[in-house]
Amino acid sequence: MYDLLVVGAGPYGLSIASHAAAAGLRLRVFGRPMASWRDHMPRGMFLKSEPWASNLSDPDGRWQLDRYCAGQGVAARHGEPIPVETFAEYGLWFARHTAPEVDERTVIRVTPCPGGFEALTEDGQVFHARTVALAVGVIPFVEIPPALRGLPSSLVSHSSHHDDLSRFRGRDVTVVGGGQAALETAALLAEQGTRVRVLVRADRLSWNDVPPPWERPWWQSARAPHSGLGCGWRNWFYAERPGLFHRLPEATRTRVSSTALGPAGAWWVRDRVEGAVEVLPGHEVAAAGSVRDGAGVRLEVVHRTRGEGTGLLGTLETDHVIAATGFTATCDRLTLLSPDLRADLMSSTAGSPRVTSVFESSHRGLFLAGLITAPGFGPAMRFVQGAAYTAGTLVRGVRRRLRAGDVGAVVPAPGRRGRSGTPAGARG
């Protein structure tokens, strides 16, 4: 029986594996390394995060992005975006040097068993472990607006479904969304000769500012320090103090995690969008249906101008719709967990699993990492930035649980009543 199974081999999973291996745990890691970055992003995209805020985490801090780039003759400088392909290759390099060999099979089911958990792989093999860390990334949580869900994938897709946009060359595509994924996808489409428009619910697009120089007068740094999530003390708090964020009232955490660092385009993509892409602000898809014998989509679109309570309904036809509408990380979408295990998870008001200060769920021995922990630990968990804090903290929690030896029990969250109706004690 393994001490720990890590399910997922992206930045969070690989970072957890590195810390667990250094701690001497007997572990196994499952998943296609850096799959989201290799399989779900088109060539030509760049990291929105600064290179120095895009490091995977090993205990000694040796295997960082700038070191990999230096070995490849590539610059990793402040204010210069890194290609997604370079970042994906960095993750593979990191895995080779810091983590045990990754088993690229997919885990399709995690089930409680005496003494821990069993994991079933796609080819029918079963593995047992005392603890499990789920680091499944964002793909299980893809969000497509309700009005578009009934249409086939030939007509509607999510921005994360594409690693190659060339099939849209010469066609008409409508992108829904106003964040980086929407705007960079639209820019890439326009640059390859696709007729593209962007529908944005907001009255206008938001753009991130060009970052200030790394070295600047002390008083400027004091007023707005650099952080992995942008300049300013609030962003610094989100980036550097996830543990303190976890202590905030749940209502505050839920509000901040859902509103902070909202949809915005990177400064370096702005010139590629403005003047090249048709942008329709204040537009929302109300309904959609296929036309031209299934070769296109008719969108019924509500157009609202600032201050208006009602909107004008119009229609437009397009060959394909790409929904760049983000991800919704909730308990019900953790479908690789067995139904009884999923039912054991206490959820927050945001619908995500409650986690302790060491990322342990309400089912002892089951740890969570990445986007699904953002309501508990803040906006940093939506970015690579959060991997370092998560990896070190989670592995400490795993070691604590292994020492305690009481895996498998369900412990209701603080302030909640358990299934028996008795008050739950504090944990974590």
Protein backbone atom coordinates (compact mmCIF):
# COMPACT_ATOMS: atom_id res chain seq x y z
CA MET A 1 0.00 0.00 0.00
CA TYR A 2 1.32 3.43 -0.94
CA ASP A 3 1.49 6.30 1.53
CA LEU A 4 0.14 8.72 -1.08
CA LEU A 5 -1.40 8.59 -4.54
CA VAL A 6 -1.24 11.85 -6.48
CA VAL A 7 -3.96 12.01 -9.13
CA GLY A 8 -2.98 14.63 -11.68
CA ALA A 9 0.40 15.62 -13.10
CA GLY A 10 0.07 19.32 -13.81
CA PRO A 11 1.90 22.06 -11.90
CA TYR A 12 0.11 21.25 -8.62
CA GLY A 13 0.38 17.47 -8.89
CA LEU A 14 4.06 17.53 -9.85
CA SER A 15 4.87 20.02 -7.09
CA ILE A 16 3.10 17.85 -4.51
CA ALA A 17 4.95 14.80 -5.79
CA SER A 18 8.29 16.60 -5.50
CA HIS A 19 7.67 17.55 -1.87
CA ALA A 20 6.30 14.10 -1.03
CA ALA A 21 9.30 12.34 -2.57
CA ALA A 22 11.68 14.59 -0.65
CA ALA A 23 9.78 13.71 2.55
CA GLY A 24 10.44 10.02 1.93
CA LEU A 25 6.82 9.04 1.31
CA ARG A 26 6.05 5.96 -0.74
CA LEU A 27 4.00 7.47 -3.52
CA ARG A 28 2.71 7.01 -7.04
CA VAL A 29 1.70 9.77 -9.47
CA PHE A 30 -0.94 9.31 -12.17
CA GLY A 31 -1.78 11.46 -15.17
CA ARG A 32 -0.37 12.81 -18.41
CA PRO A 33 2.27 15.34 -17.31
CA MET A 34 1.29 18.95 -18.05
CA ALA A 35 -1.74 17.69 -19.99
CA SER A 36 -3.72 20.94 -19.82
CA TRP A 37 -0.81 22.90 -21.20
CA ARG A 38 0.09 20.34 -23.88
CA ASP A 39 -3.36 19.23 -24.99
CA HIS A 40 -5.79 22.05 -24.24
CA MET A 41 -4.07 25.26 -25.37
CA PRO A 42 -3.37 26.24 -28.98
CA ARG A 43 0.15 26.86 -30.16
CA GLY A 44 0.96 30.54 -30.09
CA MET A 45 -0.48 31.23 -26.64
CA PHE A 46 1.60 32.77 -23.86
CA LEU A 47 1.53 32.60 -20.09
CA LYS A 48 -0.31 35.50 -18.55
CA SER A 49 1.70 35.17 -15.32
CA GLU A 50 5.18 36.61 -14.99
CA PRO A 51 7.98 34.03 -15.49
CA TRP A 52 9.13 34.43 -11.88
CA ALA A 53 5.57 33.68 -10.71
CA SER A 54 5.27 30.54 -12.83
CA ASN A 55 7.61 28.16 -11.01
CA LEU A 56 6.65 24.66 -10.03
CA SER A 57 7.72 23.91 -6.48
CA ASP A 58 10.44 21.61 -5.16
CA PRO A 59 11.59 21.80 -1.53
CA ASP A 60 14.97 23.31 -2.38
CA GLY A 61 13.74 25.71 -5.03
CA ARG A 62 16.33 24.44 -7.51
CA TRP A 63 14.20 23.55 -10.50
CA GLN A 64 12.75 26.88 -11.49
CA LEU A 65 11.56 28.20 -14.83
CA ASP A 66 14.42 30.64 -15.32
CA ARG A 67 16.94 27.83 -14.87
CA TYR A 68 15.19 25.74 -17.50
CA CYS A 69 14.99 28.67 -19.89
CA ALA A 70 18.66 29.48 -19.43
CA GLY A 71 19.53 25.92 -20.42
CA GLN A 72 17.44 26.32 -23.57
CA GLY A 73 18.88 29.69 -24.50
CA VAL A 74 15.51 31.34 -23.85
CA ALA A 75 15.06 34.57 -21.88
CA ALA A 76 12.82 34.50 -18.80
CA ARG A 77 12.58 38.18 -17.97
CA HIS A 78 10.12 40.27 -15.99
CA GLY A 79 7.54 41.77 -18.31
CA GLU A 80 8.21 39.34 -21.18
CA PRO A 81 5.58 36.59 -21.59
CA ILE A 82 6.67 32.96 -21.90
CA PRO A 83 5.18 30.73 -24.66
CA VAL A 84 2.87 28.01 -23.38
CA GLU A 85 4.96 25.41 -25.22
CA THR A 86 8.05 26.47 -23.28
CA PHE A 87 6.17 26.24 -20.00
CA ALA A 88 4.87 22.76 -20.82
CA GLU A 89 8.40 21.58 -21.63
CA TYR A 90 9.61 23.12 -18.38
CA GLY A 91 7.02 21.04 -16.49
CA LEU A 92 8.28 17.85 -18.13
CA TRP A 93 11.87 18.81 -17.25
CA PHE A 94 10.81 19.49 -13.67
CA ALA A 95 9.13 16.08 -13.45
CA ARG A 96 12.21 14.27 -14.72
CA HIS A 97 14.41 15.84 -12.06
CA THR A 98 12.24 16.05 -8.96
CA ALA A 99 9.41 13.52 -8.99
CA PRO A 100 9.11 9.76 -9.31
CA GLU A 101 8.27 8.42 -12.74
CA VAL A 102 4.73 9.44 -13.63
CA ASP A 103 2.24 6.72 -14.57
CA GLU A 104 0.41 8.26 -17.52
CA ARG A 105 -2.69 6.14 -17.13
CA THR A 106 -5.91 7.89 -16.16
CA VAL A 107 -7.49 7.16 -12.79
CA ILE A 108 -11.21 6.72 -13.40
CA ARG A 109 -12.42 6.00 -9.87
CA VAL A 110 -11.25 6.62 -6.30
CA THR A 111 -13.13 4.66 -3.63
CA PRO A 112 -12.71 4.39 0.16
CA CYS A 113 -11.48 1.05 1.44
CA PRO A 114 -10.26 -0.26 4.82
CA GLY A 115 -7.14 1.66 5.78
CA GLY A 116 -7.41 4.22 3.01
CA PHE A 117 -8.41 4.30 -0.65
CA GLU A 118 -8.31 2.29 -3.83
CA ALA A 119 -7.79 3.84 -7.25
CA LEU A 120 -8.95 2.17 -10.44
CA THR A 121 -7.07 2.99 -13.65
CA GLU A 122 -8.51 3.05 -17.15
CA ASP A 123 -7.12 -0.42 -17.92
CA GLY A 124 -8.67 -2.02 -14.84
CA GLN A 125 -5.70 -2.10 -12.46
CA VAL A 126 -6.31 -1.23 -8.81
CA PHE A 127 -3.87 0.59 -6.51
CA HIS A 128 -4.19 1.10 -2.76
CA ALA A 129 -2.98 4.03 -0.68
CA ARG A 130 -3.47 5.42 2.77
CA THR A 131 -3.97 8.94 1.44
CA VAL A 132 -4.87 10.53 -1.90
CA ALA A 133 -4.17 14.01 -3.27
CA LEU A 134 -6.45 15.11 -6.11
CA ALA A 135 -4.76 17.67 -8.35
CA VAL A 136 -7.02 17.32 -11.37
CA GLY A 137 -6.56 20.82 -12.76
CA VAL A 138 -9.38 22.68 -14.48
CA ILE A 139 -10.61 20.42 -17.28
CA PRO A 140 -13.20 18.55 -15.15
CA PHE A 141 -14.77 21.92 -14.34
CA VAL A 142 -15.35 23.32 -17.84
CA GLU A 143 -18.26 25.77 -17.87
CA ILE A 144 -20.41 26.32 -20.96
CA PRO A 145 -23.39 28.75 -20.70
CA PRO A 146 -26.78 26.98 -20.44
CA ALA A 147 -28.01 28.49 -23.70
CA LEU A 148 -25.25 26.68 -25.60
CA ARG A 149 -25.23 23.30 -23.87
CA GLY A 150 -27.71 21.51 -26.11
CA LEU A 151 -25.68 21.88 -29.30
CA PRO A 152 -23.15 19.32 -30.62
CA SER A 153 -19.40 19.79 -30.28
CA SER A 154 -19.19 20.43 -34.02
CA LEU A 155 -20.99 23.72 -33.37
CA VAL A 156 -20.08 24.66 -29.79
CA SER A 157 -16.87 24.02 -27.89
CA HIS A 158 -15.00 25.36 -24.89
CA SER A 159 -11.77 27.28 -25.33
CA SER A 160 -9.94 24.49 -23.45
CA HIS A 161 -11.01 21.94 -26.07
CA HIS A 162 -8.53 23.23 -28.64
CA ASP A 163 -4.83 22.64 -29.06
CA ASP A 164 -5.03 23.63 -32.73
CA LEU A 165 -7.24 26.37 -34.18
CA SER A 166 -6.29 25.79 -37.80
CA ARG A 167 -9.56 23.99 -38.58
CA PHE A 168 -11.30 27.36 -38.25
CA ARG A 169 -9.14 29.05 -40.88
CA GLY A 170 -11.36 30.86 -43.38
CA ARG A 171 -14.52 30.29 -41.34
CA ASP A 172 -16.73 32.48 -39.12
CA VAL A 173 -16.32 31.99 -35.37
CA THR A 174 -17.96 33.70 -32.40
CA VAL A 175 -16.08 33.70 -29.10
CA VAL A 176 -18.09 34.19 -25.91
CA GLY A 177 -16.26 35.72 -22.96
CA GLY A 178 -14.18 38.71 -21.98
CA GLY A 179 -11.15 37.23 -20.23
CA GLN A 180 -7.67 36.30 -21.36
CA ALA A 181 -8.71 32.96 -22.87
CA ALA A 182 -11.39 34.64 -24.99
CA LEU A 183 -9.23 37.52 -26.16
CA GLU A 184 -6.11 35.53 -26.93
CA THR A 185 -8.15 32.86 -28.73
CA ALA A 186 -9.82 35.59 -30.79
CA ALA A 187 -6.44 37.16 -31.61
CA LEU A 188 -5.02 33.83 -32.79
CA LEU A 189 -8.11 33.18 -34.92
CA ALA A 190 -7.94 36.62 -36.55
CA GLU A 191 -4.23 36.22 -37.26
CA GLN A 192 -4.83 33.00 -39.18
CA GLY A 193 -7.59 34.47 -41.34
CA THR A 194 -10.69 33.51 -39.41
CA ARG A 195 -13.54 36.00 -39.30
CA VAL A 196 -14.05 36.34 -35.56
CA ARG A 197 -16.14 38.36 -33.13
CA VAL A 198 -16.21 38.42 -29.33
CA LEU A 199 -19.42 38.68 -27.30
CA VAL A 200 -18.82 40.20 -23.88
CA ARG A 201 -21.44 40.60 -21.15
CA ALA A 202 -19.62 43.55 -19.60
CA ASP A 203 -20.03 47.08 -20.95
CA ARG A 204 -16.38 47.15 -21.96
CA LEU A 205 -13.25 45.03 -21.99
CA SER A 206 -10.80 45.19 -19.11
CA TRP A 207 -7.07 45.18 -19.76
CA ASN A 208 -4.21 44.57 -17.34
CA ASP A 209 -1.63 47.33 -17.14
CA VAL A 210 1.93 46.96 -18.34
CA PRO A 211 3.83 45.82 -15.22
CA PRO A 212 6.17 48.39 -13.70
CA PRO A 213 9.91 47.68 -13.81
CA TRP A 214 11.21 45.07 -11.38
CA GLU A 215 13.68 47.59 -9.96
CA ARG A 216 12.06 50.89 -9.04
CA PRO A 217 12.20 53.50 -6.25
CA TRP A 218 11.51 52.10 -2.80
CA TRP A 219 8.49 54.31 -2.28
CA GLN A 220 6.81 52.90 -5.41
CA SER A 221 7.45 49.36 -4.20
CA ALA A 222 6.10 50.26 -0.77
CA ARG A 223 2.89 51.64 -2.25
CA ALA A 224 2.30 48.76 -4.69
CA PRO A 225 4.60 45.77 -4.18
CA HIS A 226 5.09 43.19 -6.90
CA SER A 227 3.36 39.86 -6.42
CA GLY A 228 2.69 36.78 -8.47
CA LEU A 229 -0.86 38.04 -9.03
CA GLY A 230 0.00 41.63 -9.93
CA CYS A 231 1.01 44.79 -8.14
CA GLY A 232 -0.63 46.10 -4.98
CA TRP A 233 -1.00 45.07 -1.37
CA ARG A 234 -4.29 43.25 -1.93
CA ASN A 235 -2.81 41.11 -4.68
CA TRP A 236 0.28 40.57 -2.55
CA PHE A 237 -1.94 39.24 0.26
CA TYR A 238 -3.73 36.85 -2.08
CA ALA A 239 -0.43 35.62 -3.54
CA GLU A 240 1.74 35.43 -0.45
CA ARG A 241 -0.63 34.67 2.42
CA PRO A 242 -3.09 31.92 1.40
CA GLY A 243 -2.97 30.57 4.96
CA LEU A 244 -4.22 33.86 6.38
CA PHE A 245 -6.83 34.08 3.63
CA HIS A 246 -8.10 30.68 4.80
CA ARG A 247 -8.83 32.21 8.24
CA LEU A 248 -11.20 34.83 6.85
CA PRO A 249 -14.96 34.32 7.31
CA GLU A 250 -16.38 31.97 4.71
CA ALA A 251 -18.67 34.62 3.25
CA THR A 252 -15.68 36.90 2.66
CA ARG A 253 -13.59 34.11 1.14
CA THR A 254 -16.41 33.11 -1.19
CA ARG A 255 -16.98 36.67 -2.36
CA VAL A 256 -13.31 37.41 -2.93
CA SER A 257 -12.54 34.14 -4.69
CA SER A 258 -15.39 34.72 -7.14
CA THR A 259 -14.76 38.41 -7.85
CA ALA A 260 -11.05 39.20 -7.38
CA LEU A 261 -8.89 39.29 -10.48
CA GLY A 262 -11.91 39.14 -12.76
CA PRO A 263 -11.90 38.76 -16.55
CA ALA A 264 -9.21 40.88 -18.17
CA GLY A 265 -6.83 40.68 -21.09
CA ALA A 266 -3.07 40.82 -20.76
CA TRP A 267 -1.48 44.07 -21.84
CA TRP A 268 0.51 42.32 -24.57
CA VAL A 269 -2.57 40.97 -26.37
CA ARG A 270 -4.42 44.30 -26.53
CA ASP A 271 -2.88 45.52 -29.78
CA ARG A 272 -3.67 42.16 -31.39
CA VAL A 273 -7.38 42.52 -30.55
CA GLU A 274 -8.18 46.20 -30.97
CA GLY A 275 -8.71 46.96 -34.63
CA ALA A 276 -8.40 43.31 -35.62
CA VAL A 277 -11.31 41.64 -33.83
CA GLU A 278 -14.95 42.71 -33.74
CA VAL A 279 -15.88 43.16 -30.08
CA LEU A 280 -19.54 43.38 -29.04
CA PRO A 281 -19.73 44.58 -25.42
CA GLY A 282 -22.94 44.30 -23.44
CA HIS A 283 -24.00 41.18 -25.35
CA GLU A 284 -25.22 37.92 -23.84
CA VAL A 285 -26.43 34.73 -25.55
CA ALA A 286 -30.05 34.06 -24.64
CA ALA A 287 -30.67 31.03 -26.88
CA ALA A 288 -28.99 29.09 -29.66
CA GLY A 289 -29.95 26.61 -32.35
CA SER A 290 -28.44 24.95 -35.39
CA VAL A 291 -29.04 26.23 -38.94
CA ARG A 292 -27.99 25.30 -42.46
CA ASP A 293 -28.62 21.59 -41.83
CA GLY A 294 -26.36 21.60 -38.83
CA ALA A 295 -23.53 23.52 -40.49
CA GLY A 296 -23.95 26.68 -38.43
CA VAL A 297 -25.39 28.27 -35.30
CA ARG A 298 -28.02 30.96 -34.90
CA LEU A 299 -27.55 32.94 -31.69
CA GLU A 300 -30.28 34.98 -30.08
CA VAL A 301 -28.38 37.73 -28.37
CA VAL A 302 -29.52 40.23 -25.76
CA HIS A 303 -27.81 43.60 -26.08
CA ARG A 304 -27.84 45.80 -22.99
CA THR A 305 -26.32 49.24 -22.83
CA ARG A 306 -25.05 50.77 -19.63
CA GLY A 307 -27.83 51.62 -17.18
CA GLU A 308 -30.57 49.79 -19.05
CA GLY A 309 -32.57 47.16 -17.20
CA THR A 310 -33.79 45.43 -20.35
CA GLY A 311 -32.07 44.67 -23.59
CA LEU A 312 -32.77 44.46 -27.28
CA LEU A 313 -32.94 40.99 -28.75
CA GLY A 314 -31.09 40.35 -31.99
CA THR A 315 -29.77 37.38 -33.92
CA LEU A 316 -26.54 36.46 -35.61
CA GLU A 317 -25.33 33.41 -37.48
CA THR A 318 -21.90 31.87 -37.19
CA ASP A 319 -20.16 28.66 -38.15
CA HIS A 320 -18.94 27.82 -34.65
CA VAL A 321 -19.10 29.17 -31.09
CA ILE A 322 -16.15 28.94 -28.71
CA ALA A 323 -17.19 29.49 -25.10
CA ALA A 324 -14.24 30.98 -23.23
CA THR A 325 -16.39 31.10 -20.12
CA GLY A 326 -14.10 29.66 -17.50
CA PHE A 327 -14.53 26.83 -15.03
CA THR A 328 -16.87 26.06 -12.12
CA ALA A 329 -15.19 23.84 -9.54
CA THR A 330 -17.86 22.13 -7.45
CA CYS A 331 -18.15 18.83 -5.59
CA ASP A 332 -20.57 17.30 -8.08
CA ARG A 333 -18.01 17.59 -10.87
CA LEU A 334 -15.46 15.41 -9.07
CA THR A 335 -16.93 12.43 -10.87
CA LEU A 336 -13.82 10.27 -10.50
CA LEU A 337 -14.71 9.99 -6.80
CA SER A 338 -17.13 7.16 -6.04
CA PRO A 339 -20.68 8.37 -5.29
CA ASP A 340 -20.40 7.53 -1.59
CA LEU A 341 -17.08 9.35 -1.28
CA ARG A 342 -18.39 12.35 -3.17
CA ALA A 343 -21.47 12.39 -0.92
CA ASP A 344 -19.21 12.49 2.14
CA LEU A 345 -17.64 15.78 1.12
CA MET A 346 -18.87 18.77 3.07
CA SER A 347 -19.30 21.67 0.67
CA SER A 348 -18.89 25.39 1.10
CA THR A 349 -21.44 27.99 0.09
CA ALA A 350 -19.59 28.16 -3.24
CA GLY A 351 -20.34 24.47 -3.84
CA SER A 352 -16.69 23.45 -3.60
CA PRO A 353 -15.44 20.99 -0.98
CA ARG A 354 -14.50 22.39 2.39
CA VAL A 355 -10.83 21.92 3.14
CA THR A 356 -8.79 22.26 6.30
CA SER A 357 -5.74 24.46 6.73
CA VAL A 358 -3.67 21.61 5.23
CA PHE A 359 -5.97 21.03 2.21
CA GLU A 360 -7.64 17.93 3.69
CA SER A 361 -11.28 17.37 2.79
CA SER A 362 -13.95 16.31 5.26
CA HIS A 363 -13.10 12.70 4.40
CA ARG A 364 -9.88 12.00 6.28
CA GLY A 365 -6.97 11.18 4.04
CA LEU A 366 -8.44 12.79 0.92
CA PHE A 367 -6.56 15.98 0.04
CA LEU A 368 -7.42 18.49 -2.68
CA ALA A 369 -5.32 20.94 -4.68
CA GLY A 370 -5.68 23.60 -7.33
CA LEU A 371 -8.70 25.51 -8.59
CA ILE A 372 -11.18 23.64 -6.45
CA THR A 373 -9.53 25.04 -3.31
CA ALA A 374 -9.77 28.70 -4.39
CA PRO A 375 -12.84 29.39 -2.19
CA GLY A 376 -10.77 28.18 0.76
CA PHE A 377 -7.36 29.67 0.00
CA GLY A 378 -8.02 32.49 -2.42
CA PRO A 379 -7.31 33.58 -6.00
CA ALA A 380 -3.74 32.26 -5.98
CA MET A 381 -5.16 28.75 -6.36
CA ARG A 382 -6.41 29.68 -9.84
CA PHE A 383 -2.80 30.16 -10.99
CA VAL A 384 0.53 28.36 -10.92
CA GLN A 385 1.45 30.83 -8.18
CA GLY A 386 -0.51 28.78 -5.64
CA ALA A 387 1.37 25.53 -6.26
CA ALA A 388 4.28 26.28 -3.90
CA TYR A 389 2.13 27.02 -0.86
CA THR A 390 -0.15 24.09 -1.65
CA ALA A 391 2.60 21.51 -2.11
CA GLY A 392 4.47 22.21 1.10
CA THR A 393 1.35 22.62 3.22
CA LEU A 394 -0.50 19.62 1.79
CA VAL A 395 2.44 17.25 2.23
CA ARG A 396 2.76 18.33 5.85
CA GLY A 397 -0.92 17.48 6.22
CA VAL A 398 -0.41 14.08 4.62
CA ARG A 399 2.45 13.28 6.98
CA ARG A 400 0.34 14.35 9.93
CA ARG A 401 -2.51 12.12 8.80
CA LEU A 402 -0.16 9.16 8.26
CA ARG A 403 1.19 9.56 11.77
CA ALA A 404 -2.32 9.73 13.19
CA GLY A 405 -3.30 6.65 11.22
CA ASP A 406 -7.04 7.41 11.28
CA VAL A 407 -7.81 7.63 7.56
CA GLY A 408 -11.23 7.07 6.08
CA ALA A 409 -13.45 8.70 8.69
CA VAL A 410 -15.72 11.61 7.86
CA VAL A 411 -15.13 14.72 9.93
CA PRO A 412 -17.72 17.51 9.44
CA ALA A 413 -16.39 20.99 8.96
CA PRO A 414 -16.12 23.38 11.90
CA GLY A 415 -19.39 25.02 12.84
CA ARG A 416 -21.42 22.48 10.90
CA ARG A 417 -23.45 19.60 12.24
CA GLY A 418 -22.49 16.08 11.26
CA ARG A 419 -24.82 13.62 9.63
CA SER A 420 -25.90 12.38 13.07
CA GLY A 421 -26.92 15.89 14.07
CA THR A 422 -24.21 16.27 16.72
CA PRO A 423 -22.01 19.37 16.63
CA ALA A 424 -18.77 18.97 14.73
CA GLY A 425 -15.52 19.71 16.45
CA ALA A 426 -12.79 21.91 15.07
CA ARG A 427 -10.26 20.26 12.84
CA GLY A 428 -7.25 20.93 10.86
